[in-house]
């Protein structure tokens, strides 16, 4: 009974997981038209208001990539180009 149960369970788990993997392209992309993007200076102002010191901003795969420091901790984050919000989990 045990020899039958484990392979069956593994096979069923692969059937359930496979459709989810097929639809995932590896990343979520933003599709914001360029004319709706905030200027880098506006992004820096929004982040500065939250206590970040912005060191560098560049456009990267549909979002802004920002190098910044807060409370002595240096970090890199992606920021929504139209809202200035930090995108948690955005991967390029």
C-alpha atoms as a PDB file:
ATOM      1  CA  UNK A   1       0.000   0.000   0.000  1.00  0.00           C
ATOM      2  CA  UNK A   2       2.790   2.440   0.904  1.00  0.00           C
ATOM      3  CA  UNK A   3       4.645   1.829  -2.390  1.00  0.00           C
ATOM      4  CA  UNK A   4       1.522   2.817  -4.305  1.00  0.00           C
ATOM      5  CA  UNK A   5       0.579   5.831  -2.166  1.00  0.00           C
ATOM      6  CA  UNK A   6       3.795   7.918  -2.479  1.00  0.00           C
ATOM      7  CA  UNK A   7       4.141   7.783  -6.308  1.00  0.00           C
ATOM      8  CA  UNK A   8       0.434   8.521  -6.675  1.00  0.00           C
ATOM      9  CA  UNK A   9       0.687  11.496  -4.348  1.00  0.00           C
ATOM     10  CA  UNK A  10       3.729  12.843  -6.213  1.00  0.00           C
ATOM     11  CA  UNK A  11       1.997  12.401  -9.565  1.00  0.00           C
ATOM     12  CA  UNK A  12      -1.119  14.231  -8.411  1.00  0.00           C
ATOM     13  CA  UNK A  13       0.923  17.109  -6.989  1.00  0.00           C
ATOM     14  CA  UNK A  14       2.684  17.537 -10.356  1.00  0.00           C
ATOM     15  CA  UNK A  15      -0.641  17.659 -12.183  1.00  0.00           C
ATOM     16  CA  UNK A  16      -1.865  20.385  -9.882  1.00  0.00           C
ATOM     17  CA  UNK A  17       1.350  22.459 -10.122  1.00  0.00           C
ATOM     18  CA  UNK A  18       1.949  22.202 -13.882  1.00  0.00           C
ATOM     19  CA  UNK A  19      -0.826  24.550 -15.098  1.00  0.00           C
ATOM     20  CA  UNK A  20       0.370  27.286 -12.742  1.00  0.00           C
ATOM     21  CA  UNK A  21       3.906  27.026 -14.077  1.00  0.00           C
ATOM     22  CA  UNK A  22       2.767  27.169 -17.690  1.00  0.00           C
ATOM     23  CA  UNK A  23       1.050  30.542 -17.247  1.00  0.00           C
ATOM     24  CA  UNK A  24       3.877  32.223 -15.348  1.00  0.00           C
ATOM     25  CA  UNK A  25       6.337  34.111 -17.556  1.00  0.00           C
ATOM     26  CA  UNK A  26       8.887  34.735 -14.800  1.00  0.00           C
ATOM     27  CA  UNK A  27       8.003  38.329 -13.962  1.00  0.00           C
ATOM     28  CA  UNK A  28       5.204  40.808 -13.796  1.00  0.00           C
ATOM     29  CA  UNK A  29       5.708  43.761 -16.081  1.00  0.00           C
ATOM     30  CA  UNK A  30       4.178  47.173 -15.816  1.00  0.00           C
ATOM     31  CA  UNK A  31       2.708  48.667 -18.940  1.00  0.00           C
ATOM     32  CA  UNK A  32       2.655  52.389 -18.220  1.00  0.00           C
ATOM     33  CA  UNK A  33       2.864  54.681 -21.270  1.00  0.00           C
ATOM     34  CA  UNK A  34       5.995  56.856 -21.199  1.00  0.00           C
ATOM     35  CA  UNK A  35       3.963  60.080 -21.215  1.00  0.00           C
ATOM     36  CA  UNK A  36       2.419  59.077 -17.850  1.00  0.00           C
ATOM     37  CA  UNK A  37       5.772  58.575 -16.110  1.00  0.00           C
ATOM     38  CA  UNK A  38       6.797  60.982 -13.374  1.00  0.00           C
ATOM     39  CA  UNK A  39      10.126  62.716 -13.876  1.00  0.00           C
ATOM     40  CA  UNK A  40      13.060  61.247 -11.930  1.00  0.00           C
ATOM     41  CA  UNK A  41      13.141  64.430  -9.805  1.00  0.00           C
ATOM     42  CA  UNK A  42       9.497  63.841  -8.814  1.00  0.00           C
ATOM     43  CA  UNK A  43      10.305  60.230  -7.860  1.00  0.00           C
ATOM     44  CA  UNK A  44      13.241  61.467  -5.765  1.00  0.00           C
ATOM     45  CA  UNK A  45      10.983  64.019  -4.030  1.00  0.00           C
ATOM     46  CA  UNK A  46       8.378  61.358  -3.171  1.00  0.00           C
ATOM     47  CA  UNK A  47      11.019  59.004  -1.777  1.00  0.00           C
ATOM     48  CA  UNK A  48      12.750  61.825   0.122  1.00  0.00           C
ATOM     49  CA  UNK A  49       9.427  62.619   1.802  1.00  0.00           C
ATOM     50  CA  UNK A  50       9.447  59.020   3.093  1.00  0.00           C
ATOM     51  CA  UNK A  51      12.932  59.432   4.582  1.00  0.00           C
ATOM     52  CA  UNK A  52      15.041  57.954   1.760  1.00  0.00           C
ATOM     53  CA  UNK A  53      18.191  59.581   0.398  1.00  0.00           C
ATOM     54  CA  UNK A  54      18.152  58.858  -3.335  1.00  0.00           C
ATOM     55  CA  UNK A  55      21.543  58.161  -4.889  1.00  0.00           C
ATOM     56  CA  UNK A  56      20.608  57.083  -8.425  1.00  0.00           C
ATOM     57  CA  UNK A  57      17.488  56.607 -10.550  1.00  0.00           C
ATOM     58  CA  UNK A  58      17.299  54.892 -13.926  1.00  0.00           C
ATOM     59  CA  UNK A  59      14.549  53.428 -16.102  1.00  0.00           C
ATOM     60  CA  UNK A  60      14.646  49.630 -16.130  1.00  0.00           C
ATOM     61  CA  UNK A  61      12.147  47.253 -17.782  1.00  0.00           C
ATOM     62  CA  UNK A  62       9.059  49.404 -17.365  1.00  0.00           C
ATOM     63  CA  UNK A  63       9.837  50.775 -13.914  1.00  0.00           C
ATOM     64  CA  UNK A  64      12.346  53.024 -12.213  1.00  0.00           C
ATOM     65  CA  UNK A  65      15.246  51.292 -10.495  1.00  0.00           C
ATOM     66  CA  UNK A  66      16.382  53.374  -7.545  1.00  0.00           C
ATOM     67  CA  UNK A  67      19.488  53.108  -5.391  1.00  0.00           C
ATOM     68  CA  UNK A  68      18.827  54.787  -2.055  1.00  0.00           C
ATOM     69  CA  UNK A  69      19.715  54.887   1.619  1.00  0.00           C
ATOM     70  CA  UNK A  70      17.521  55.051   4.722  1.00  0.00           C
ATOM     71  CA  UNK A  71      18.764  55.010   8.316  1.00  0.00           C
ATOM     72  CA  UNK A  72      22.237  54.046   7.107  1.00  0.00           C
ATOM     73  CA  UNK A  73      20.996  51.058   5.098  1.00  0.00           C
ATOM     74  CA  UNK A  74      21.749  51.101   1.377  1.00  0.00           C
ATOM     75  CA  UNK A  75      19.098  49.457  -0.801  1.00  0.00           C
ATOM     76  CA  UNK A  76      17.944  49.061  -4.367  1.00  0.00           C
ATOM     77  CA  UNK A  77      14.258  49.021  -5.266  1.00  0.00           C
ATOM     78  CA  UNK A  78      11.920  49.285  -8.214  1.00  0.00           C
ATOM     79  CA  UNK A  79       9.449  52.148  -8.180  1.00  0.00           C
ATOM     80  CA  UNK A  80       6.181  52.508 -10.096  1.00  0.00           C
ATOM     81  CA  UNK A  81       6.831  55.134 -12.780  1.00  0.00           C
ATOM     82  CA  UNK A  82       3.415  56.816 -12.548  1.00  0.00           C
ATOM     83  CA  UNK A  83       2.784  56.738  -8.781  1.00  0.00           C
ATOM     84  CA  UNK A  84       6.224  56.699  -7.192  1.00  0.00           C
ATOM     85  CA  UNK A  85       5.303  53.719  -5.009  1.00  0.00           C
ATOM     86  CA  UNK A  86       7.989  51.192  -4.121  1.00  0.00           C
ATOM     87  CA  UNK A  87       7.198  47.901  -5.861  1.00  0.00           C
ATOM     88  CA  UNK A  88       7.695  45.067  -3.381  1.00  0.00           C
ATOM     89  CA  UNK A  89       8.593  41.837  -5.141  1.00  0.00           C
ATOM     90  CA  UNK A  90       9.101  43.376  -8.581  1.00  0.00           C
ATOM     91  CA  UNK A  91      11.915  41.522 -10.303  1.00  0.00           C
ATOM     92  CA  UNK A  92      13.541  42.451 -13.565  1.00  0.00           C
END
